[in-house]
Amino acid sequence: MVVDNKAVLTYIQIQKEDLGVFRLVPKDVPVPEYKSGQFITLGTHVPSENKIIRRAYSIASHPENKKYVELYIRWVRKPLPGRLTTQLFSAKEGDEIIWVKPTGAFTVDDKKPNGEPDERRIVCVGGGTGLAPFVSYAQHLHDTGSKREIIVLHGASYVDELGYRDLLTKLEFESLDMGKDKWNFRYRASISRPQEWFNRTWNGQKGRVESFLQSKDGEMSPLEKLVGEKITKDNTVFFICGWQGTIDGCLDVVSPKGFVTERNKRPDKSFEIKFESYG
């Protein structure tokens, strides 16, 4: 049975006309317990339909933050305007919204299926707002003192769509200052439309985010150059989130190398890829 709860939108940051950060604080109850990578379902009354519309969104905040739940949301406008996102992007701070407790299995495991500790590096590949769960991963692992290597790769069309760039860059600088033996984190971004005027100052990776995984003429991929070794199923696990095209693009590169997904796990229940698609 779905139990609706009420919350207040306490913070809205519209980064561009169709991209924003939203924070909600539950009314009368504490911030719910959840795991990094899970999603929360929001609901609001849509006057034109005279009913409540609900949609699920990955949580960008981390479980150690007990002050609010943060979401990174794109306003769906094509082929038809999104009913809930249209309401959200018209909302004001102080407005009320409905929420249902977080759930989902897109979470980081610290043990392999056989019970052994999982010390393989975590590579997160996010397209657009598919970055949200990885912002949660990074902050959670940081705040819990994890020494496991984590790399966040984010792809966007335009520079101003690189949400959380400042936060993730700060986390990488902290890793450089502390040393990888204490906090091992790196962040890289890619712009898929570098030829457009708005992106003229971009000097980083160019192309879709899966280009980090691709190699040319037998050379190491940009990801392998970053970590200084070949990426294998024995040293790396992948978490991928975004449009189905992003998922497919990544799987096309890593599947031939022996990586398998959680949905197609081996008889011994082992796998190296988790993915979550939102379209």
Protein backbone atom coordinates (compact mmCIF):
# COMPACT_ATOMS: atom_id res chain seq x y z
CA MET A 1 0.00 0.00 0.00
CA VAL A 2 1.35 3.40 -1.03
CA VAL A 3 1.56 5.81 1.89
CA ASP A 4 1.67 9.46 0.88
CA ASN A 5 3.61 11.88 3.07
CA LYS A 6 3.80 15.65 2.87
CA ALA A 7 6.91 17.79 2.46
CA VAL A 8 7.82 21.39 1.78
CA LEU A 9 10.06 22.53 -1.06
CA THR A 10 12.64 24.56 0.87
CA TYR A 11 15.15 25.26 -1.91
CA ILE A 12 14.84 25.57 -5.68
CA GLN A 13 17.84 26.40 -7.86
CA ILE A 14 16.97 26.65 -11.55
CA GLN A 15 20.32 26.20 -13.29
CA LYS A 16 18.80 26.80 -16.71
CA GLU A 17 15.24 26.88 -17.99
CA ASP A 18 14.86 23.08 -17.93
CA LEU A 19 17.34 21.96 -15.27
CA GLY A 20 17.16 22.44 -11.54
CA VAL A 21 18.05 21.33 -8.02
CA PHE A 22 15.18 20.85 -5.58
CA ARG A 23 15.29 20.22 -1.84
CA LEU A 24 12.37 18.98 0.19
CA VAL A 25 11.91 18.67 3.93
CA PRO A 26 9.23 16.28 5.23
CA LYS A 27 6.43 17.70 7.35
CA ASP A 28 5.86 16.19 10.79
CA VAL A 29 8.35 13.34 10.27
CA PRO A 30 12.17 13.10 9.97
CA VAL A 31 14.04 12.84 6.69
CA PRO A 32 13.49 9.20 5.66
CA GLU A 33 16.19 6.54 5.85
CA TYR A 34 17.57 5.49 2.48
CA LYS A 35 20.66 4.15 0.73
CA SER A 36 22.74 6.02 -1.84
CA GLY A 37 21.43 5.16 -5.28
CA GLN A 38 17.80 4.81 -4.26
CA PHE A 39 14.95 6.94 -5.59
CA ILE A 40 12.05 8.78 -4.03
CA THR A 41 8.60 9.13 -5.56
CA LEU A 42 7.08 12.61 -5.64
CA GLY A 43 3.48 13.50 -6.29
CA THR A 44 1.46 16.62 -6.87
CA HIS A 45 -2.07 17.52 -7.83
CA VAL A 46 -2.38 18.42 -11.51
CA PRO A 47 -5.37 20.79 -11.86
CA SER A 48 -5.97 20.08 -15.55
CA GLU A 49 -6.49 16.39 -14.77
CA ASN A 50 -7.86 16.80 -11.25
CA LYS A 51 -5.69 14.00 -9.91
CA ILE A 52 -2.33 13.34 -8.32
CA ILE A 53 0.51 12.47 -10.67
CA ARG A 54 3.53 10.61 -9.24
CA ARG A 55 7.04 10.16 -10.63
CA ALA A 56 10.25 8.65 -9.25
CA TYR A 57 13.54 10.59 -9.03
CA SER A 58 17.02 9.47 -7.97
CA ILE A 59 18.20 11.08 -4.76
CA ALA A 60 21.28 13.29 -5.09
CA SER A 61 21.79 13.93 -1.37
CA HIS A 62 23.41 11.28 0.83
CA PRO A 63 22.03 9.31 3.79
CA GLU A 64 24.31 11.06 6.29
CA ASN A 65 22.54 14.34 5.50
CA LYS A 66 19.52 14.40 7.81
CA LYS A 67 18.41 17.95 6.90
CA TYR A 68 16.71 17.47 3.52
CA VAL A 69 16.33 15.31 0.43
CA GLU A 70 17.91 16.80 -2.70
CA LEU A 71 16.96 16.00 -6.28
CA TYR A 72 18.49 16.91 -9.65
CA ILE A 73 15.66 17.18 -12.16
CA ARG A 74 15.20 18.04 -15.83
CA TRP A 75 11.95 19.55 -17.01
CA VAL A 76 10.55 17.18 -19.61
CA ARG A 77 9.20 19.24 -22.51
CA LYS A 78 9.35 16.92 -25.54
CA PRO A 79 7.52 15.22 -27.13
CA LEU A 80 4.95 16.46 -24.60
CA PRO A 81 5.45 18.53 -21.45
CA GLY A 82 5.99 16.35 -18.39
CA ARG A 83 3.01 16.67 -16.08
CA LEU A 84 4.91 16.52 -12.80
CA THR A 85 8.07 18.30 -13.93
CA THR A 86 5.98 21.15 -15.34
CA GLN A 87 4.41 21.55 -11.90
CA LEU A 88 7.83 21.41 -10.21
CA PHE A 89 9.38 24.05 -12.43
CA SER A 90 6.41 26.31 -11.74
CA ALA A 91 6.66 25.77 -7.98
CA LYS A 92 7.96 28.22 -5.38
CA GLU A 93 9.95 27.67 -2.22
CA GLY A 94 7.44 26.94 0.53
CA ASP A 95 5.08 24.98 -1.71
CA GLU A 96 3.91 21.59 -0.51
CA ILE A 97 4.55 18.29 -2.29
CA ILE A 98 3.72 14.64 -1.69
CA TRP A 99 6.39 11.96 -1.32
CA VAL A 100 6.56 8.20 -0.90
CA LYS A 101 9.42 6.56 1.00
CA PRO A 102 12.64 5.86 -0.95
CA THR A 103 13.33 2.47 -2.46
CA GLY A 104 15.42 0.87 -5.22
CA ALA A 105 18.32 -1.53 -5.71
CA PHE A 106 20.77 0.74 -7.58
CA THR A 107 23.07 0.74 -4.57
CA VAL A 108 26.76 0.11 -3.90
CA ASP A 109 27.65 -3.20 -2.30
CA ASP A 110 30.74 -3.56 -0.14
CA LYS A 111 30.79 -7.32 -0.58
CA LYS A 112 30.82 -9.64 -3.57
CA PRO A 113 28.05 -12.24 -3.95
CA ASN A 114 30.40 -14.84 -2.41
CA GLY A 115 30.71 -12.72 0.72
CA GLU A 116 34.25 -11.48 0.10
CA PRO A 117 34.94 -7.75 0.56
CA ASP A 118 34.58 -5.91 -2.75
CA GLU A 119 37.59 -3.64 -3.15
CA ARG A 120 37.28 -3.08 -6.90
CA ARG A 121 37.19 0.52 -8.10
CA ILE A 122 33.77 2.00 -8.68
CA VAL A 123 33.29 3.76 -12.01
CA CYS A 124 30.09 5.79 -12.26
CA VAL A 125 28.93 6.83 -15.72
CA GLY A 126 26.10 9.38 -15.74
CA GLY A 127 24.40 11.12 -18.62
CA GLY A 128 22.55 14.35 -17.82
CA THR A 129 20.55 14.08 -14.60
CA GLY A 130 21.70 10.45 -14.44
CA LEU A 131 24.50 12.00 -12.39
CA ALA A 132 22.21 12.29 -9.35
CA PRO A 133 22.81 8.87 -7.69
CA PHE A 134 26.55 9.26 -8.14
CA VAL A 135 26.58 12.58 -6.30
CA SER A 136 24.99 10.62 -3.48
CA TYR A 137 27.54 7.78 -3.79
CA ALA A 138 30.49 10.17 -3.67
CA GLN A 139 29.30 12.10 -0.63
CA HIS A 140 28.29 8.91 1.19
CA LEU A 141 31.63 7.19 0.64
CA HIS A 142 33.43 10.38 1.61
CA ASP A 143 31.49 10.89 4.83
CA THR A 144 31.81 7.24 5.88
CA GLY A 145 35.59 7.27 5.44
CA SER A 146 35.70 4.77 2.58
CA LYS A 147 39.09 4.22 0.98
CA ARG A 148 37.65 2.49 -2.06
CA GLU A 149 38.52 4.15 -5.36
CA ILE A 150 35.59 5.91 -7.01
CA ILE A 151 35.49 7.74 -10.33
CA VAL A 152 32.53 9.81 -11.52
CA LEU A 153 32.20 10.41 -15.27
CA HIS A 154 29.50 12.86 -16.35
CA GLY A 155 28.28 13.69 -19.82
CA ALA A 156 26.24 16.71 -20.92
CA SER A 157 25.50 18.66 -24.07
CA TYR A 158 26.52 22.04 -22.67
CA VAL A 159 28.93 23.31 -20.05
CA ASP A 160 26.12 24.86 -17.99
CA GLU A 161 24.55 21.40 -17.69
CA LEU A 162 27.47 20.03 -15.70
CA GLY A 163 25.54 20.01 -12.46
CA TYR A 164 27.51 19.54 -9.24
CA ARG A 165 30.75 20.34 -11.04
CA ASP A 166 31.99 22.51 -8.17
CA LEU A 167 31.15 19.92 -5.52
CA LEU A 168 32.74 17.02 -7.39
CA THR A 169 35.84 19.04 -8.25
CA LYS A 170 36.19 19.96 -4.58
CA LEU A 171 35.99 16.29 -3.63
CA GLU A 172 38.77 15.49 -6.11
CA PHE A 173 40.99 18.27 -4.78
CA GLU A 174 40.42 16.91 -1.30
CA SER A 175 41.57 13.50 -2.53
CA LEU A 176 44.73 15.05 -3.97
CA ASP A 177 45.40 16.87 -0.70
CA MET A 178 44.70 13.93 1.61
CA GLY A 179 46.26 11.22 -0.52
CA LYS A 180 44.56 8.29 -2.25
CA ASP A 181 45.21 6.06 0.73
CA LYS A 182 42.68 8.15 2.67
CA TRP A 183 40.18 9.34 0.03
CA ASN A 184 40.48 8.11 -3.54
CA PHE A 185 38.18 10.09 -5.82
CA ARG A 186 38.29 11.54 -9.31
CA TYR A 187 35.78 13.39 -11.45
CA ARG A 188 35.77 13.96 -15.20
CA ALA A 189 33.18 15.42 -17.56
CA SER A 190 32.56 15.29 -21.28
CA ILE A 191 30.70 17.71 -23.56
CA SER A 192 28.90 16.17 -26.54
CA ARG A 193 28.49 19.40 -28.56
CA PRO A 194 31.91 21.05 -28.32
CA GLN A 195 31.49 22.82 -31.67
CA GLU A 196 28.69 25.04 -30.38
CA TRP A 197 29.56 28.61 -29.40
CA PHE A 198 28.34 28.27 -25.84
CA ASN A 199 30.93 25.52 -25.25
CA ARG A 200 33.82 27.45 -26.79
CA THR A 201 35.85 27.52 -23.54
CA TRP A 202 35.66 23.76 -22.94
CA ASN A 203 39.05 22.01 -23.00
CA GLY A 204 38.06 18.68 -21.47
CA GLN A 205 36.82 15.41 -22.96
CA LYS A 206 34.65 15.80 -26.05
CA GLY A 207 31.87 13.45 -27.12
CA ARG A 208 29.27 11.40 -25.32
CA VAL A 209 30.16 10.22 -21.83
CA GLU A 210 30.80 6.65 -23.01
CA SER A 211 33.74 8.01 -25.02
CA PHE A 212 35.72 7.77 -21.77
CA LEU A 213 35.53 3.99 -22.16
CA GLN A 214 36.42 3.79 -25.82
CA SER A 215 39.92 3.11 -27.12
CA LYS A 216 41.40 3.82 -30.53
CA ASP A 217 44.00 1.86 -32.46
CA GLY A 218 44.73 -0.40 -29.52
CA GLU A 219 45.61 2.46 -27.21
CA MET A 220 44.32 2.75 -23.65
CA SER A 221 40.95 4.43 -23.25
CA PRO A 222 40.73 7.85 -21.53
CA LEU A 223 39.50 6.03 -18.40
CA GLU A 224 42.42 3.61 -18.49
CA LYS A 225 44.86 6.47 -18.92
CA LEU A 226 43.27 8.16 -15.90
CA VAL A 227 43.68 5.11 -13.64
CA GLY A 228 46.99 3.99 -15.16
CA GLU A 229 46.01 0.42 -16.02
CA LYS A 230 43.73 -1.71 -18.16
CA ILE A 231 40.15 -1.86 -16.98
CA THR A 232 39.09 -5.46 -16.28
CA LYS A 233 36.23 -7.20 -14.53
CA ASP A 234 38.65 -8.11 -11.76
CA ASN A 235 39.58 -4.53 -10.85
CA THR A 236 36.49 -2.46 -11.76
CA VAL A 237 32.71 -2.36 -11.38
CA PHE A 238 30.49 -0.03 -13.38
CA PHE A 239 27.38 1.87 -12.38
CA ILE A 240 25.61 3.51 -15.33
CA CYS A 241 22.62 5.86 -15.23
CA GLY A 242 20.93 7.92 -17.93
CA TRP A 243 19.03 7.55 -21.16
CA GLN A 244 18.93 4.08 -22.68
CA GLY A 245 21.32 5.27 -25.40
CA THR A 246 23.94 5.98 -22.72
CA ILE A 247 23.41 2.53 -21.20
CA ASP A 248 23.69 0.81 -24.58
CA GLY A 249 26.77 2.82 -25.56
CA CYS A 250 28.59 1.76 -22.40
CA LEU A 251 27.54 -1.88 -22.65
CA ASP A 252 28.72 -2.03 -26.26
CA VAL A 253 32.23 -1.18 -25.03
CA VAL A 254 32.56 -3.19 -21.81
CA SER A 255 30.48 -6.31 -22.57
CA PRO A 256 33.00 -7.66 -25.11
CA LYS A 257 35.63 -7.40 -22.34
CA GLY A 258 33.78 -9.94 -20.22
CA PHE A 259 31.75 -7.61 -18.02
CA VAL A 260 28.21 -8.79 -17.28
CA THR A 261 25.23 -6.95 -15.85
CA GLU A 262 23.36 -7.68 -12.65
CA ARG A 263 20.33 -8.55 -14.78
CA ASN A 264 22.33 -11.24 -16.61
CA LYS A 265 24.49 -12.39 -13.73
CA ARG A 266 26.52 -15.56 -13.92
CA PRO A 267 25.43 -18.85 -12.26
CA ASP A 268 27.55 -17.93 -9.24
CA LYS A 269 25.59 -14.63 -9.06
CA SER A 270 28.64 -12.51 -9.90
CA PHE A 271 28.42 -9.41 -12.09
CA GLU A 272 30.26 -6.13 -12.69
CA ILE A 273 27.63 -3.74 -14.04
CA LYS A 274 24.56 -2.13 -12.53
CA PHE A 275 22.53 0.24 -14.66
CA GLU A 276 19.40 2.32 -14.36
CA SER A 277 17.67 3.82 -17.37
CA TYR A 278 15.09 6.60 -17.35
CA GLY A 279 14.00 6.47 -20.96
